[in-house]
């Protein structure tokens, strides 16, 4: 079964502020059906024989919408996220709508989401119809930035089917 909304978090720290922010954004889209916290898979990302990572790539490629989230490291996304996205085939995100999300310590990093992460997602074939979302670390728990983004981006996003009935395992958090 493919995910309506998948979340990929590229923070090396498990269950980070980036993770919380990505889930907060996914809530505006009806919730995440698949959550990939790459911190849980770091050991396998550089093992090109790791079937578990190939399975994650396949699941993300099969989603309708993917939120790709990273903290800002050296004015761009993390190496952990890059290592995961390097596993995707050419145009592997074709037919997927991607939403880039980045967190940073200061507004001076706000362009990283548009300058670094958006082009990578487009290169992988994703449609990125909305502006990316940059959230200050200090405001990651404030609903205002997510609500403001959603208000302007909502009409640009694809219509999504209703979320599947909630079960104790929804969203499907993929961990090691």
Protein backbone atom coordinates (compact mmCIF):
# COMPACT_ATOMS: atom_id res chain seq x y z
CA UNK A 1 0.00 0.00 0.00
CA UNK A 2 1.36 3.42 -0.88
CA UNK A 3 1.37 6.29 1.56
CA UNK A 4 -0.79 9.34 1.05
CA UNK A 5 1.69 11.46 2.97
CA UNK A 6 5.23 10.32 3.71
CA UNK A 7 7.68 12.16 5.92
CA UNK A 8 11.47 11.86 5.59
CA UNK A 9 13.52 13.43 8.37
CA UNK A 10 17.23 13.99 7.76
CA UNK A 11 18.29 15.04 11.25
CA UNK A 12 21.05 12.83 12.71
CA UNK A 13 19.36 13.12 16.12
CA UNK A 14 16.38 10.74 16.51
CA UNK A 15 12.97 12.30 17.28
CA UNK A 16 14.43 15.78 16.86
CA UNK A 17 12.81 19.20 16.50
CA UNK A 18 13.00 18.57 12.76
CA UNK A 19 10.98 15.38 13.27
CA UNK A 20 8.40 17.26 15.35
CA UNK A 21 8.19 20.01 12.73
CA UNK A 22 7.73 17.57 9.87
CA UNK A 23 4.88 15.85 11.72
CA UNK A 24 3.31 19.22 12.54
CA UNK A 25 3.35 20.06 8.83
CA UNK A 26 2.01 16.60 7.92
CA UNK A 27 -0.90 17.21 10.30
CA UNK A 28 -1.98 20.11 8.05
CA UNK A 29 -2.21 17.55 5.22
CA UNK A 30 -4.28 15.06 7.19
CA UNK A 31 -1.41 13.28 8.93
CA UNK A 32 1.52 11.12 7.88
CA UNK A 33 1.01 7.53 6.78
CA UNK A 34 4.75 6.81 6.65
CA UNK A 35 7.48 8.39 8.79
CA UNK A 36 11.13 7.72 8.00
CA UNK A 37 13.46 9.09 10.67
CA UNK A 38 16.81 8.60 8.96
CA UNK A 39 18.64 8.69 12.29
CA UNK A 40 17.21 5.20 12.82
CA UNK A 41 18.77 3.99 9.55
CA UNK A 42 22.13 5.77 9.53
CA UNK A 43 24.16 2.55 9.74
CA UNK A 44 22.49 1.13 6.62
CA UNK A 45 22.57 4.23 4.41
CA UNK A 46 26.08 3.59 3.16
CA UNK A 47 25.55 -0.15 2.71
CA UNK A 48 24.32 -0.37 -0.86
CA UNK A 49 23.25 -3.95 -0.22
CA UNK A 50 20.86 -2.89 2.59
CA UNK A 51 17.45 -4.07 1.46
CA UNK A 52 15.81 -2.10 4.28
CA UNK A 53 16.93 1.19 2.71
CA UNK A 54 15.85 0.04 -0.76
CA UNK A 55 12.42 -0.70 0.73
CA UNK A 56 12.23 2.78 2.27
CA UNK A 57 13.15 4.37 -1.07
CA UNK A 58 10.42 2.35 -2.78
CA UNK A 59 7.82 3.36 -0.18
CA UNK A 60 8.70 7.05 -0.43
CA UNK A 61 8.66 6.90 -4.25
CA UNK A 62 5.16 5.43 -4.06
CA UNK A 63 3.73 8.18 -1.87
CA UNK A 64 1.44 10.93 -3.14
CA UNK A 65 3.10 13.67 -1.08
CA UNK A 66 6.44 13.58 0.70
CA UNK A 67 7.62 16.10 3.26
CA UNK A 68 11.41 16.16 3.20
CA UNK A 69 12.77 17.79 6.34
CA UNK A 70 16.27 18.72 7.43
CA UNK A 71 17.97 21.05 9.85
CA UNK A 72 20.18 23.63 8.18
CA UNK A 73 23.81 22.43 8.32
CA UNK A 74 26.45 24.66 6.75
CA UNK A 75 23.76 26.53 4.76
CA UNK A 76 22.24 23.35 3.30
CA UNK A 77 20.61 20.01 4.21
CA UNK A 78 22.38 17.25 6.14
CA UNK A 79 24.67 14.64 4.68
CA UNK A 80 22.38 12.00 6.17
CA UNK A 81 19.51 13.23 4.02
CA UNK A 82 21.77 13.47 0.96
CA UNK A 83 22.98 9.89 1.47
CA UNK A 84 19.36 8.69 1.51
CA UNK A 85 18.27 10.73 -1.51
CA UNK A 86 21.33 9.52 -3.45
CA UNK A 87 19.76 6.05 -3.32
CA UNK A 88 16.77 7.19 -5.40
CA UNK A 89 16.75 6.32 -9.09
CA UNK A 90 16.75 9.01 -11.77
CA UNK A 91 13.30 10.64 -11.70
CA UNK A 92 12.40 8.30 -8.81
CA UNK A 93 10.08 10.91 -7.34
CA UNK A 94 8.23 11.39 -10.62
CA UNK A 95 4.54 11.78 -9.87
CA UNK A 96 5.22 12.65 -6.22
CA UNK A 97 4.53 16.10 -4.80
CA UNK A 98 7.36 17.13 -2.48
CA UNK A 99 7.33 19.73 0.27
CA UNK A 100 10.78 20.86 1.40
CA UNK A 101 11.04 21.84 5.08
CA UNK A 102 14.11 23.15 6.85
CA UNK A 103 14.80 24.39 10.34
CA UNK A 104 17.50 26.87 11.19
CA UNK A 105 18.88 28.98 13.98
CA UNK A 106 18.50 32.33 12.22
CA UNK A 107 16.54 33.93 9.38
CA UNK A 108 19.83 34.24 7.48
CA UNK A 109 19.44 30.53 6.66
CA UNK A 110 15.91 30.88 5.26
CA UNK A 111 16.99 30.68 1.61
CA UNK A 112 18.57 27.24 2.12
CA UNK A 113 15.21 25.54 1.64
CA UNK A 114 14.73 27.15 -1.80
CA UNK A 115 18.37 27.27 -2.86
CA UNK A 116 19.51 23.80 -1.77
CA UNK A 117 16.69 21.38 -0.95
CA UNK A 118 14.09 22.31 -3.58
CA UNK A 119 16.46 21.83 -6.56
CA UNK A 120 17.49 18.41 -5.27
CA UNK A 121 13.87 17.28 -5.05
CA UNK A 122 13.14 18.62 -8.53
CA UNK A 123 16.22 16.80 -9.87
CA UNK A 124 14.74 13.57 -8.49
CA UNK A 125 11.57 14.23 -10.51
CA UNK A 126 9.31 15.55 -7.76
CA UNK A 127 6.78 18.27 -8.36
CA UNK A 128 7.41 21.07 -5.87
CA UNK A 129 4.46 23.42 -6.46
CA UNK A 130 4.67 25.33 -3.18
CA UNK A 131 7.32 27.44 -1.58
CA UNK A 132 9.42 25.45 0.84
CA UNK A 133 8.91 26.07 4.52
CA UNK A 134 11.69 27.44 6.70
CA UNK A 135 11.05 27.42 10.45
CA UNK A 136 13.27 28.93 13.10
CA UNK A 137 14.45 26.37 15.65
CA UNK A 138 13.09 28.62 18.38
CA UNK A 139 9.62 28.59 16.76
CA UNK A 140 9.42 24.89 15.88
CA UNK A 141 6.66 24.24 18.45
CA UNK A 142 4.62 27.32 17.45
CA UNK A 143 1.76 26.40 15.08
CA UNK A 144 1.85 29.84 13.40
CA UNK A 145 4.56 29.15 10.76
CA UNK A 146 2.90 25.89 9.69
CA UNK A 147 -0.56 27.47 9.57
CA UNK A 148 0.71 30.45 7.57
CA UNK A 149 2.47 28.18 5.07
CA UNK A 150 -0.59 25.95 4.73
CA UNK A 151 -2.91 28.91 4.15
CA UNK A 152 -0.92 29.99 1.09
CA UNK A 153 0.13 26.53 -0.14
CA UNK A 154 -3.11 24.61 0.27
CA UNK A 155 -4.51 25.47 -3.16
CA UNK A 156 -1.28 24.38 -4.86
CA UNK A 157 -1.19 20.91 -3.32
CA UNK A 158 -2.90 17.87 -4.82
CA UNK A 159 -6.24 16.76 -3.44
CA UNK A 160 -5.53 13.85 -1.14
CA UNK A 161 -7.84 10.97 -0.37
CA UNK A 162 -9.12 10.80 3.18
CA UNK A 163 -6.62 9.37 5.66
CA UNK A 164 -6.94 5.68 6.43
CA UNK A 165 -8.73 4.80 9.66
CA UNK A 166 -6.44 5.34 12.62
CA UNK A 167 -4.90 2.32 14.24
CA UNK A 168 -2.26 2.10 16.95
CA UNK A 169 0.32 1.69 14.17
CA UNK A 170 -0.71 4.79 12.21
CA UNK A 171 1.39 6.59 11.15
CA UNK A 172 3.73 3.83 10.16
CA UNK A 173 6.98 4.85 11.79
CA UNK A 174 9.79 3.01 10.09
CA UNK A 175 12.65 2.28 12.43
CA UNK A 176 15.61 -0.05 12.65
